[in-house]
C-alpha atoms as a PDB file:
ATOM      1  CA  MET A   1      19.992  -8.077  33.897  1.00  0.00           C
ATOM      2  CA  THR A   2      16.419  -9.354  33.979  1.00  0.00           C
ATOM      3  CA  LYS A   3      15.253  -6.490  31.755  1.00  0.00           C
ATOM      4  CA  LYS A   4      17.541  -7.566  28.929  1.00  0.00           C
ATOM      5  CA  LYS A   5      16.370 -11.194  28.810  1.00  0.00           C
ATOM      6  CA  PRO A   6      12.982 -10.536  27.176  1.00  0.00           C
ATOM      7  CA  GLY A   7      14.726  -8.469  24.506  1.00  0.00           C
ATOM      8  CA  LYS A   8      17.247 -11.212  23.784  1.00  0.00           C
ATOM      9  CA  CYS A   9      14.536 -13.857  23.682  1.00  0.00           C
ATOM     10  CA  THR A  10      12.496 -11.739  21.295  1.00  0.00           C
ATOM     11  CA  ALA A  11      15.531 -11.132  19.074  1.00  0.00           C
ATOM     12  CA  ALA A  12      16.324 -14.861  19.038  1.00  0.00           C
ATOM     13  CA  TRP A  13      12.719 -15.711  18.196  1.00  0.00           C
ATOM     14  CA  ARG A  14      12.702 -13.224  15.307  1.00  0.00           C
ATOM     15  CA  PHE A  15      15.998 -14.657  14.062  1.00  0.00           C
ATOM     16  CA  PHE A  16      14.667 -18.219  13.971  1.00  0.00           C
ATOM     17  CA  ARG A  17      11.296 -17.141  12.587  1.00  0.00           C
ATOM     18  CA  SER A  18      12.980 -15.276   9.718  1.00  0.00           C
ATOM     19  CA  ALA A  19      14.366 -18.551   8.338  1.00  0.00           C
ATOM     20  CA  ASP A  20      12.281 -20.357   5.746  1.00  0.00           C
ATOM     21  CA  GLN A  21       9.635 -22.502   7.442  1.00  0.00           C
ATOM     22  CA  LEU A  22      10.617 -25.467   5.278  1.00  0.00           C
ATOM     23  CA  TYR A  23      14.048 -25.642   6.938  1.00  0.00           C
ATOM     24  CA  HIS A  24      12.427 -25.732  10.390  1.00  0.00           C
ATOM     25  CA  TRP A  25       9.986 -28.447   9.353  1.00  0.00           C
ATOM     26  CA  ILE A  26      12.763 -30.611   7.934  1.00  0.00           C
ATOM     27  CA  GLY A  27      15.304 -30.017  10.706  1.00  0.00           C
ATOM     28  CA  LEU A  28      13.020 -30.141  13.733  1.00  0.00           C
ATOM     29  CA  GLY A  29      10.917 -32.898  12.158  1.00  0.00           C
ATOM     30  CA  SER A  30      14.012 -35.056  11.677  1.00  0.00           C
ATOM     31  CA  PHE A  31      15.038 -34.397  15.296  1.00  0.00           C
ATOM     32  CA  ALA A  32      11.578 -35.432  16.533  1.00  0.00           C
ATOM     33  CA  ILE A  33      11.624 -38.628  14.445  1.00  0.00           C
ATOM     34  CA  LEU A  34      15.134 -39.517  15.652  1.00  0.00           C
ATOM     35  CA  LEU A  35      14.112 -38.885  19.257  1.00  0.00           C
ATOM     36  CA  ILE A  36      11.077 -41.172  18.922  1.00  0.00           C
ATOM     37  CA  LYS A  37      13.207 -43.838  17.268  1.00  0.00           C
ATOM     38  CA  VAL A  38      15.910 -43.798  19.940  1.00  0.00           C
ATOM     39  CA  LEU A  39      13.593 -43.605  22.941  1.00  0.00           C
ATOM     40  CA  VAL A  40      10.720 -45.790  21.727  1.00  0.00           C
ATOM     41  CA  LEU A  41      11.276 -47.780  18.533  1.00  0.00           C
ATOM     42  CA  ASN A  42      14.745 -49.057  19.444  1.00  0.00           C
ATOM     43  CA  ASN A  43      13.231 -50.766  22.502  1.00  0.00           C
ATOM     44  CA  ILE A  44      10.792 -52.722  20.348  1.00  0.00           C
ATOM     45  CA  SER A  45      11.848 -55.903  18.592  1.00  0.00           C
ATOM     46  CA  ALA A  46      11.883 -55.491  14.820  1.00  0.00           C
ATOM     47  CA  PRO A  47       9.168 -57.606  13.151  1.00  0.00           C
ATOM     48  CA  LEU A  48      11.406 -58.063  10.099  1.00  0.00           C
ATOM     49  CA  ARG A  49      15.142 -58.810  10.062  1.00  0.00           C
ATOM     50  CA  PHE A  50      16.011 -56.118   7.492  1.00  0.00           C
ATOM     51  CA  MET A  51      14.592 -53.419   9.796  1.00  0.00           C
ATOM     52  CA  SER A  52      17.372 -54.045  12.303  1.00  0.00           C
ATOM     53  CA  ALA A  53      19.933 -53.871   9.511  1.00  0.00           C
ATOM     54  CA  VAL A  54      18.732 -50.525   8.149  1.00  0.00           C
ATOM     55  CA  SER A  55      18.125 -48.972  11.571  1.00  0.00           C
ATOM     56  CA  PRO A  56      21.675 -47.482  11.857  1.00  0.00           C
ATOM     57  CA  VAL A  57      21.369 -46.158   8.289  1.00  0.00           C
ATOM     58  CA  VAL A  58      18.101 -44.368   9.127  1.00  0.00           C
ATOM     59  CA  GLU A  59      19.641 -42.876  12.270  1.00  0.00           C
ATOM     60  CA  GLY A  60      22.642 -41.748  10.242  1.00  0.00           C
ATOM     61  CA  ILE A  61      20.459 -40.048   7.641  1.00  0.00           C
ATOM     62  CA  LEU A  62      18.369 -38.318  10.296  1.00  0.00           C
ATOM     63  CA  GLY A  63      21.527 -37.227  12.132  1.00  0.00           C
ATOM     64  CA  SER A  64      22.957 -35.856   8.892  1.00  0.00           C
ATOM     65  CA  VAL A  65      19.774 -33.844   8.209  1.00  0.00           C
ATOM     66  CA  ILE A  66      19.839 -32.441  11.751  1.00  0.00           C
ATOM     67  CA  ALA A  67      23.522 -31.503  11.409  1.00  0.00           C
ATOM     68  CA  SER A  68      22.781 -29.746   8.114  1.00  0.00           C
ATOM     69  CA  TYR A  69      19.917 -27.847   9.753  1.00  0.00           C
ATOM     70  CA  ILE A  70      22.151 -26.717  12.621  1.00  0.00           C
ATOM     71  CA  PHE A  71      24.890 -25.685  10.176  1.00  0.00           C
ATOM     72  CA  TYR A  72      22.391 -23.647   8.145  1.00  0.00           C
ATOM     73  CA  ILE A  73      20.876 -21.900  11.183  1.00  0.00           C
ATOM     74  CA  PHE A  74      24.165 -20.926  12.792  1.00  0.00           C
ATOM     75  CA  CYS A  75      26.504 -20.512   9.802  1.00  0.00           C
ATOM     76  CA  ILE A  76      24.531 -19.708   6.661  1.00  0.00           C
ATOM     77  CA  HIS A  77      21.407 -17.934   7.931  1.00  0.00           C
ATOM     78  CA  PRO A  78      23.077 -15.182  10.060  1.00  0.00           C
ATOM     79  CA  PRO A  79      24.485 -13.229   7.074  1.00  0.00           C
ATOM     80  CA  ILE A  80      21.202 -13.737   5.217  1.00  0.00           C
ATOM     81  CA  TYR A  81      19.322 -12.424   8.253  1.00  0.00           C
ATOM     82  CA  ALA A  82      21.686  -9.444   8.542  1.00  0.00           C
ATOM     83  CA  GLU A  83      21.037  -8.610   4.888  1.00  0.00           C
ATOM     84  CA  LYS A  84      17.291  -8.916   5.479  1.00  0.00           C
ATOM     85  CA  LYS A  85      17.515  -6.508   8.428  1.00  0.00           C
ATOM     86  CA  THR A  86      19.545  -3.987   6.445  1.00  0.00           C
ATOM     87  CA  SER A  87      17.126  -4.213   3.523  1.00  0.00           C
ATOM     88  CA  ALA A  88      14.123  -3.999   5.870  1.00  0.00           C
ATOM     89  CA  SER A  89      15.538  -0.807   7.378  1.00  0.00           C
ATOM     90  CA  PHE A  90      15.665   0.937   3.990  1.00  0.00           C
ATOM     91  CA  VAL A  91      12.309  -0.493   2.879  1.00  0.00           C
ATOM     92  CA  ASN A  92      10.681   0.647   6.126  1.00  0.00           C
ATOM     93  CA  PHE A  93      12.118   4.158   5.728  1.00  0.00           C
ATOM     94  CA  ILE A  94      11.022   4.480   2.089  1.00  0.00           C
ATOM     95  CA  LEU A  95       7.528   3.060   2.667  1.00  0.00           C
ATOM     96  CA  THR A  96       7.014   5.287   5.706  1.00  0.00           C
ATOM     97  CA  ARG A  97       7.983   8.319   3.635  1.00  0.00           C
ATOM     98  CA  ILE A  98       5.685   7.278   0.775  1.00  0.00           C
ATOM     99  CA  SER A  99       2.806   6.685   3.198  1.00  0.00           C
ATOM    100  CA  LYS A 100       3.255  10.049   4.945  1.00  0.00           C
ATOM    101  CA  ASN A 101       3.609  11.919   1.650  1.00  0.00           C
ATOM    102  CA  PHE A 102       0.375  10.402   0.401  1.00  0.00           C
ATOM    103  CA  GLU A 103      -1.391  11.318   3.646  1.00  0.00           C
ATOM    104  CA  GLN A 104      -0.208  14.920   3.181  1.00  0.00           C
ATOM    105  CA  HIS A 105      -1.545  14.724  -0.377  1.00  0.00           C
ATOM    106  CA  LEU A 106      -4.965  13.755   1.003  1.00  0.00           C
ATOM    107  CA  LYS A 107      -4.824  16.644   3.473  1.00  0.00           C
ATOM    108  CA  GLY A 108      -4.033  18.949   0.556  1.00  0.00           C
ATOM    109  CA  ILE A 109      -7.343  17.940  -1.038  1.00  0.00           C
ATOM    110  CA  SER A 110      -9.283  18.382   2.188  1.00  0.00           C
ATOM    111  CA  ALA A 111      -8.299  18.611   5.839  1.00  0.00           C
ATOM    112  CA  THR A 112     -10.979  16.001   6.574  1.00  0.00           C
ATOM    113  CA  LEU A 113      -9.423  13.305   4.393  1.00  0.00           C
ATOM    114  CA  GLY A 114      -7.071  10.623   5.666  1.00  0.00           C
ATOM    115  CA  TYR A 115      -6.491   6.894   5.596  1.00  0.00           C
ATOM    116  CA  HIS A 116      -9.612   6.457   7.725  1.00  0.00           C
ATOM    117  CA  SER A 117     -11.901   8.273   5.266  1.00  0.00           C
ATOM    118  CA  THR A 118     -14.843   6.530   3.617  1.00  0.00           C
ATOM    119  CA  SER A 119     -15.839   6.676  -0.060  1.00  0.00           C
ATOM    120  CA  ASP A 120     -18.683   9.069   0.838  1.00  0.00           C
ATOM    121  CA  GLU A 121     -16.203  11.424   2.493  1.00  0.00           C
ATOM    122  CA  PHE A 122     -14.068  11.352  -0.661  1.00  0.00           C
ATOM    123  CA  LEU A 123     -17.141  12.147  -2.741  1.00  0.00           C
ATOM    124  CA  SER A 124     -17.990  15.057  -0.445  1.00  0.00           C
ATOM    125  CA  ALA A 125     -14.431  16.436  -0.561  1.00  0.00           C
ATOM    126  CA  PHE A 126     -14.208  16.241  -4.368  1.00  0.00           C
ATOM    127  CA  THR A 127     -17.651  17.813  -4.727  1.00  0.00           C
ATOM    128  CA  GLY A 128     -16.281  20.937  -3.028  1.00  0.00           C
ATOM    129  CA  ILE A 129     -13.370  21.243  -5.477  1.00  0.00           C
ATOM    130  CA  ASP A 130     -13.362  23.728  -8.367  1.00  0.00           C
ATOM    131  CA  PRO A 131     -11.021  21.743 -10.671  1.00  0.00           C
ATOM    132  CA  PHE A 132     -10.130  24.653 -12.966  1.00  0.00           C
ATOM    133  CA  SER A 133      -9.408  27.185 -10.225  1.00  0.00           C
ATOM    134  CA  ARG A 134      -5.781  27.849  -9.326  1.00  0.00           C
ATOM    135  CA  THR A 135      -6.323  27.079  -5.664  1.00  0.00           C
ATOM    136  CA  ALA A 136      -4.547  23.727  -5.397  1.00  0.00           C
ATOM    137  CA  PRO A 137      -1.750  23.533  -2.791  1.00  0.00           C
ATOM    138  CA  LEU A 138       1.027  23.494  -5.407  1.00  0.00           C
ATOM    139  CA  LEU A 139       3.032  26.598  -6.306  1.00  0.00           C
ATOM    140  CA  VAL A 140       3.958  26.598 -10.020  1.00  0.00           C
ATOM    141  CA  GLN A 141       5.310  30.159 -10.230  1.00  0.00           C
ATOM    142  CA  PHE A 142       7.008  32.164  -7.532  1.00  0.00           C
ATOM    143  CA  SER A 143       8.030  35.360  -9.347  1.00  0.00           C
ATOM    144  CA  PRO A 144       7.031  38.012 -10.338  1.00  0.00           C
ATOM    145  CA  GLU A 145       3.821  36.855  -8.651  1.00  0.00           C
ATOM    146  CA  GLN A 146       2.845  33.614  -6.958  1.00  0.00           C
ATOM    147  CA  VAL A 147       0.764  31.344  -9.157  1.00  0.00           C
ATOM    148  CA  TYR A 148      -0.767  28.125  -7.892  1.00  0.00           C
ATOM    149  CA  ALA A 149      -1.642  25.051  -9.922  1.00  0.00           C
ATOM    150  CA  ASP A 150      -5.116  24.033 -10.890  1.00  0.00           C
ATOM    151  CA  TRP A 151      -6.346  20.716  -9.483  1.00  0.00           C
ATOM    152  CA  PHE A 152      -5.497  18.736 -12.602  1.00  0.00           C
ATOM    153  CA  GLN A 153      -1.871  19.873 -12.327  1.00  0.00           C
ATOM    154  CA  TYR A 154      -1.842  19.152  -8.614  1.00  0.00           C
ATOM    155  CA  PHE A 155      -3.115  15.591  -8.980  1.00  0.00           C
ATOM    156  CA  GLN A 156      -0.829  14.940 -11.933  1.00  0.00           C
ATOM    157  CA  ASN A 157       2.212  16.189  -9.987  1.00  0.00           C
ATOM    158  CA  GLU A 158       1.408  14.040  -6.947  1.00  0.00           C
ATOM    159  CA  ASN A 159       0.718  10.978  -9.105  1.00  0.00           C
ATOM    160  CA  VAL A 160       4.038  11.291 -10.923  1.00  0.00           C
ATOM    161  CA  ARG A 161       5.897  11.733  -7.647  1.00  0.00           C
ATOM    162  CA  LEU A 162       4.231   8.657  -6.124  1.00  0.00           C
ATOM    163  CA  GLN A 163       4.868   6.493  -9.183  1.00  0.00           C
ATOM    164  CA  LYS A 164       8.531   7.526  -9.297  1.00  0.00           C
ATOM    165  CA  GLU A 165       8.963   6.638  -5.619  1.00  0.00           C
ATOM    166  CA  ILE A 166       7.429   3.211  -6.211  1.00  0.00           C
ATOM    167  CA  GLU A 167       9.475   2.592  -9.353  1.00  0.00           C
ATOM    168  CA  ARG A 168      12.706   3.508  -7.540  1.00  0.00           C
ATOM    169  CA  LEU A 169      11.854   1.079  -4.762  1.00  0.00           C
ATOM    170  CA  MET A 170      10.984  -1.733  -7.174  1.00  0.00           C
ATOM    171  CA  ASP A 171      14.105  -1.130  -9.283  1.00  0.00           C
ATOM    172  CA  SER A 172      16.357  -1.124  -6.221  1.00  0.00           C
ATOM    173  CA  ARG A 173      18.291  -4.180  -5.068  1.00  0.00           C
ATOM    174  CA  LEU A 174      16.437  -4.240  -1.767  1.00  0.00           C
ATOM    175  CA  LEU A 175      14.722  -7.457  -0.733  1.00  0.00           C
ATOM    176  CA  LEU A 176      10.995  -7.107  -1.408  1.00  0.00           C
ATOM    177  CA  ASN A 177       8.684  -9.932  -0.362  1.00  0.00           C
ATOM    178  CA  ASN A 178       5.828 -11.204  -2.522  1.00  0.00           C
ATOM    179  CA  GLU A 179       3.178  -9.287  -0.562  1.00  0.00           C
ATOM    180  CA  LEU A 180       4.919  -5.931  -1.016  1.00  0.00           C
ATOM    181  CA  THR A 181       5.699  -6.579  -4.685  1.00  0.00           C
ATOM    182  CA  TYR A 182       2.037  -7.384  -5.318  1.00  0.00           C
ATOM    183  CA  ILE A 183       0.824  -4.240  -3.516  1.00  0.00           C
ATOM    184  CA  LEU A 184       3.276  -1.972  -5.376  1.00  0.00           C
ATOM    185  CA  ASN A 185       2.333  -3.439  -8.744  1.00  0.00           C
ATOM    186  CA  THR A 186      -1.368  -3.045  -7.931  1.00  0.00           C
ATOM    187  CA  ILE A 187      -0.808   0.591  -6.939  1.00  0.00           C
ATOM    188  CA  ASN A 188       1.020   1.258 -10.207  1.00  0.00           C
ATOM    189  CA  ASP A 189      -1.921  -0.219 -12.122  1.00  0.00           C
ATOM    190  CA  CYS A 190      -4.516   1.890 -10.277  1.00  0.00           C
ATOM    191  CA  GLY A 191      -6.979   3.565 -12.633  1.00  0.00           C
ATOM    192  CA  TRP A 192      -6.627   6.940 -10.890  1.00  0.00           C
ATOM    193  CA  PHE A 193      -3.281   7.587 -12.595  1.00  0.00           C
ATOM    194  CA  MET A 194      -4.683   7.104 -16.089  1.00  0.00           C
ATOM    195  CA  ILE A 195      -7.814   9.120 -15.292  1.00  0.00           C
ATOM    196  CA  ILE A 196      -5.792  12.151 -14.195  1.00  0.00           C
ATOM    197  CA  GLU A 197      -3.369  11.845 -17.106  1.00  0.00           C
ATOM    198  CA  ASN A 198      -6.266  11.836 -19.572  1.00  0.00           C
ATOM    199  CA  MET A 199      -8.088  14.689 -17.823  1.00  0.00           C
ATOM    200  CA  ALA A 200      -4.936  16.831 -17.697  1.00  0.00           C
ATOM    201  CA  GLY A 201      -4.557  16.433 -21.462  1.00  0.00           C
ATOM    202  CA  MET A 202      -8.229  17.130 -22.209  1.00  0.00           C
ATOM    203  CA  LYS A 203      -9.043  19.871 -19.688  1.00  0.00           C
ATOM    204  CA  GLY A 204      -9.030  22.493 -22.444  1.00  0.00           C
ATOM    205  CA  GLN A 205     -12.005  20.726 -24.010  1.00  0.00           C
ATOM    206  CA  MET A 206     -14.015  20.511 -20.780  1.00  0.00           C
ATOM    207  CA  ALA A 207     -16.737  22.870 -19.602  1.00  0.00           C
ATOM    208  CA  ILE A 208     -15.396  24.999 -16.742  1.00  0.00           C
ATOM    209  CA  SER A 209     -18.759  24.804 -14.986  1.00  0.00           C
ATOM    210  CA  HIS A 210     -18.555  21.003 -14.802  1.00  0.00           C
ATOM    211  CA  ASN A 211     -16.710  19.043 -12.104  1.00  0.00           C
ATOM    212  CA  PRO A 212     -15.381  15.940 -13.910  1.00  0.00           C
ATOM    213  CA  PHE A 213     -14.361  14.263 -10.652  1.00  0.00           C
ATOM    214  CA  VAL A 214     -17.946  13.808  -9.477  1.00  0.00           C
ATOM    215  CA  ASN A 215     -21.055  12.340 -11.080  1.00  0.00           C
ATOM    216  CA  PRO A 216     -23.954  13.606  -8.925  1.00  0.00           C
ATOM    217  CA  ASP A 217     -26.479  11.417 -10.771  1.00  0.00           C
ATOM    218  CA  GLN A 218     -24.489   8.214 -10.186  1.00  0.00           C
ATOM    219  CA  PRO A 219     -22.026   8.845  -7.333  1.00  0.00           C
ATOM    220  CA  ALA A 220     -20.701   5.276  -7.428  1.00  0.00           C
ATOM    221  CA  THR A 221     -19.332   5.882 -10.946  1.00  0.00           C
ATOM    222  CA  SER A 222     -17.574   9.139 -10.016  1.00  0.00           C
ATOM    223  CA  CYS A 223     -13.907   9.388 -10.962  1.00  0.00           C
ATOM    224  CA  CYS A 224     -12.996  10.204  -7.368  1.00  0.00           C
ATOM    225  CA  THR A 225     -13.885   6.622  -6.380  1.00  0.00           C
ATOM    226  CA  SER A 226     -10.643   5.608  -8.119  1.00  0.00           C
ATOM    227  CA  MET A 227      -8.796   7.950  -5.774  1.00  0.00           C
ATOM    228  CA  TYR A 228     -10.504   6.187  -2.881  1.00  0.00           C
ATOM    229  CA  ASP A 229      -9.332   2.838  -4.290  1.00  0.00           C
ATOM    230  CA  LEU A 230      -5.779   4.198  -4.431  1.00  0.00           C
ATOM    231  CA  LYS A 231      -6.085   5.294  -0.815  1.00  0.00           C
ATOM    232  CA  GLU A 232      -7.102   1.773   0.214  1.00  0.00           C
ATOM    233  CA  LEU A 233      -4.102   0.312  -1.617  1.00  0.00           C
ATOM    234  CA  MET A 234      -1.776   2.803   0.041  1.00  0.00           C
ATOM    235  CA  LYS A 235      -3.326   1.937   3.387  1.00  0.00           C
ATOM    236  CA  SER A 236      -2.446  -1.733   2.844  1.00  0.00           C
ATOM    237  CA  LEU A 237       1.253  -0.776   2.904  1.00  0.00           C
ATOM    238  CA  GLN A 238       0.965  -0.291   6.663  1.00  0.00           C
ATOM    239  CA  SER A 239       1.126  -4.048   7.305  1.00  0.00           C
ATOM    240  CA  VAL A 240       4.502  -4.187   5.512  1.00  0.00           C
ATOM    241  CA  ILE A 241       5.711  -1.076   7.368  1.00  0.00           C
ATOM    242  CA  ASP A 242       4.797  -2.739  10.682  1.00  0.00           C
ATOM    243  CA  ALA A 243       6.477  -6.029   9.714  1.00  0.00           C
ATOM    244  CA  THR A 244       9.733  -4.397   8.603  1.00  0.00           C
ATOM    245  CA  GLY A 245       9.641  -2.179  11.682  1.00  0.00           C
ATOM    246  CA  LYS A 246       9.541  -5.215  13.959  1.00  0.00           C
ATOM    247  CA  LEU A 247      12.400  -6.847  12.066  1.00  0.00           C
ATOM    248  CA  ILE A 248      14.749  -3.887  12.621  1.00  0.00           C
ATOM    249  CA  GLU A 249      13.890  -3.286  16.278  1.00  0.00           C
END
């Protein structure tokens, strides 16, 4: 029996914490004020006559606020909390899938890349890419012979897949908090998507001997730095994954 108590306490704490902080401030604040009034102020003679007259009114108002708080917590909030948990379960699943798919995408570029990688490591990985060679890890033809995509096609395919996943999540009726909505919108606005879209349309005009992803003279201005920025944005999803994971435990 003792092993279950910590779990119940944790679940209760998460339930109360999930309610809007404003309700707690109003409800618990009113209870604290009423307690001080009953235990302390009522034992002090009122300096003005009207204070004694309005004292029962004040206690009635505070009692009404406390009753409303209790009614909200135990009658209104439970179905809201249940909906939040259900939504969090789907959001956690979708974000986890998006995060893992993007990590696999990074591994497809180079086995050394991951969410921990630095901008210099991205620059090094992209320097080793031959963008026009059909060596990207994306099969575009299976028969009569296997044909793989070039790197422009590979990046374009992964970008479209990621953007569709994000759009489906944002267009869903799932509850998305402000933090997640901001991150998803920022990801959608990442410059890497536009860079690849433009390059894929103009690759026929590019010199095959040139790697457009890297600028060796000014590495900081290399196009691959936008991919690094996207990686950092995708990495920031982990905080939401952790938060929704705790909510559904």
